[in-house]
Amino acid sequence: MQRKKAFIVPVTLFFLAFYFVLPILAAYSEVLKGEAFFHITWAWVYSLLQFAVVWIGGIVYIKKAAKYDKMSKQILNKYEKELGE
């Protein structure tokens, strides 16, 4: 559980910060109004990056969750053998 928490808590905080920064920057600063490239503003770039972050985060979580499931299965098997069930 400690390893799982050590992964989930920082990643969750990163995602929350990443998503709440967009409306804050859009409402209270001029940073996102500048042109990035090809007449596309930084607001569009940041918004599209959010889709990429969701997909990458989902893939990473799926791979990590498989490892955590494997670890928990090993722990359960160990204690079932010790308890004789």
Protein backbone atom coordinates (compact mmCIF):
# COMPACT_ATOMS: atom_id res chain seq x y z
CA MET A 1 0.00 0.00 0.00
CA GLN A 2 2.89 2.37 0.73
CA ARG A 3 4.35 1.87 -2.75
CA LYS A 4 0.95 2.41 -4.31
CA LYS A 5 0.39 5.60 -2.31
CA ALA A 6 3.89 6.82 -3.17
CA PHE A 7 2.90 6.64 -6.83
CA ILE A 8 -0.75 7.72 -6.73
CA VAL A 9 -0.51 10.80 -4.48
CA PRO A 10 2.17 12.72 -6.44
CA VAL A 11 0.62 11.81 -9.79
CA THR A 12 -2.82 12.92 -8.62
CA LEU A 13 -1.42 16.22 -7.34
CA PHE A 14 0.37 16.76 -10.66
CA PHE A 15 -2.82 16.12 -12.67
CA LEU A 16 -4.89 18.44 -10.48
CA ALA A 17 -2.32 21.21 -10.73
CA PHE A 18 -1.92 20.69 -14.47
CA TYR A 19 -5.66 20.97 -15.11
CA PHE A 20 -6.39 23.87 -12.78
CA VAL A 21 -3.54 25.97 -14.15
CA LEU A 22 -5.27 26.34 -17.54
CA PRO A 23 -8.37 28.21 -16.33
CA ILE A 24 -6.30 30.24 -13.87
CA LEU A 25 -3.83 31.32 -16.56
CA ALA A 26 -6.63 31.98 -19.03
CA ALA A 27 -8.55 34.16 -16.59
CA TYR A 28 -5.80 36.05 -14.83
CA SER A 29 -2.84 36.37 -17.20
CA GLU A 30 -1.91 37.12 -20.78
CA VAL A 31 0.51 34.18 -21.12
CA LEU A 32 -1.81 31.90 -23.09
CA LYS A 33 -2.89 34.61 -25.53
CA GLY A 34 0.46 34.73 -27.29
CA GLU A 35 1.02 32.99 -30.60
CA ALA A 36 2.91 29.71 -30.31
CA PHE A 37 3.26 28.71 -33.98
CA PHE A 38 1.18 28.62 -37.17
CA HIS A 39 -1.31 31.17 -35.75
CA ILE A 40 -2.14 28.86 -32.83
CA THR A 41 -2.18 30.39 -29.36
CA TRP A 42 -0.59 28.86 -26.28
CA ALA A 43 -4.06 28.21 -24.88
CA TRP A 44 -4.73 25.71 -27.67
CA VAL A 45 -1.32 24.10 -27.23
CA TYR A 46 -1.88 23.73 -23.48
CA SER A 47 -5.39 22.37 -24.01
CA LEU A 48 -4.18 19.77 -26.50
CA LEU A 49 -1.37 18.84 -24.14
CA GLN A 50 -3.99 17.94 -21.57
CA PHE A 51 -5.30 15.21 -23.89
CA ALA A 52 -1.78 13.84 -24.30
CA VAL A 53 -1.22 13.89 -20.54
CA VAL A 54 -4.45 11.96 -19.94
CA TRP A 55 -3.49 9.25 -22.42
CA ILE A 56 0.08 8.98 -21.18
CA GLY A 57 -1.07 9.01 -17.56
CA GLY A 58 -3.64 6.31 -18.27
CA ILE A 59 -1.09 4.07 -19.94
CA VAL A 60 1.43 4.53 -17.11
CA TYR A 61 -1.25 3.84 -14.50
CA ILE A 62 -2.39 0.67 -16.24
CA LYS A 63 1.18 -0.65 -16.30
CA LYS A 64 1.79 0.29 -12.66
CA ALA A 65 -1.55 -1.19 -11.57
CA ALA A 66 -0.62 -4.51 -13.17
CA LYS A 67 2.56 -4.57 -11.07
CA TYR A 68 0.63 -3.73 -7.90
CA ASP A 69 -1.92 -6.47 -8.67
CA LYS A 70 0.91 -8.95 -9.15
CA MET A 71 2.49 -7.92 -5.84
CA SER A 72 -0.79 -8.22 -3.96
CA LYS A 73 -1.44 -11.65 -5.47
CA GLN A 74 2.01 -12.80 -4.30
CA ILE A 75 1.33 -11.51 -0.78
CA LEU A 76 -2.04 -13.26 -0.66
CA ASN A 77 -0.53 -16.52 -1.91
CA LYS A 78 2.23 -16.30 0.72
CA TYR A 79 -0.23 -15.84 3.59
CA GLU A 80 -2.63 -18.48 2.30
CA LYS A 81 0.21 -21.01 2.37
CA GLU A 82 1.23 -19.91 5.88
CA LEU A 83 -2.34 -20.12 7.20
CA GLY A 84 -2.99 -23.40 5.40
CA GLU A 85 -6.11 -22.24 3.61
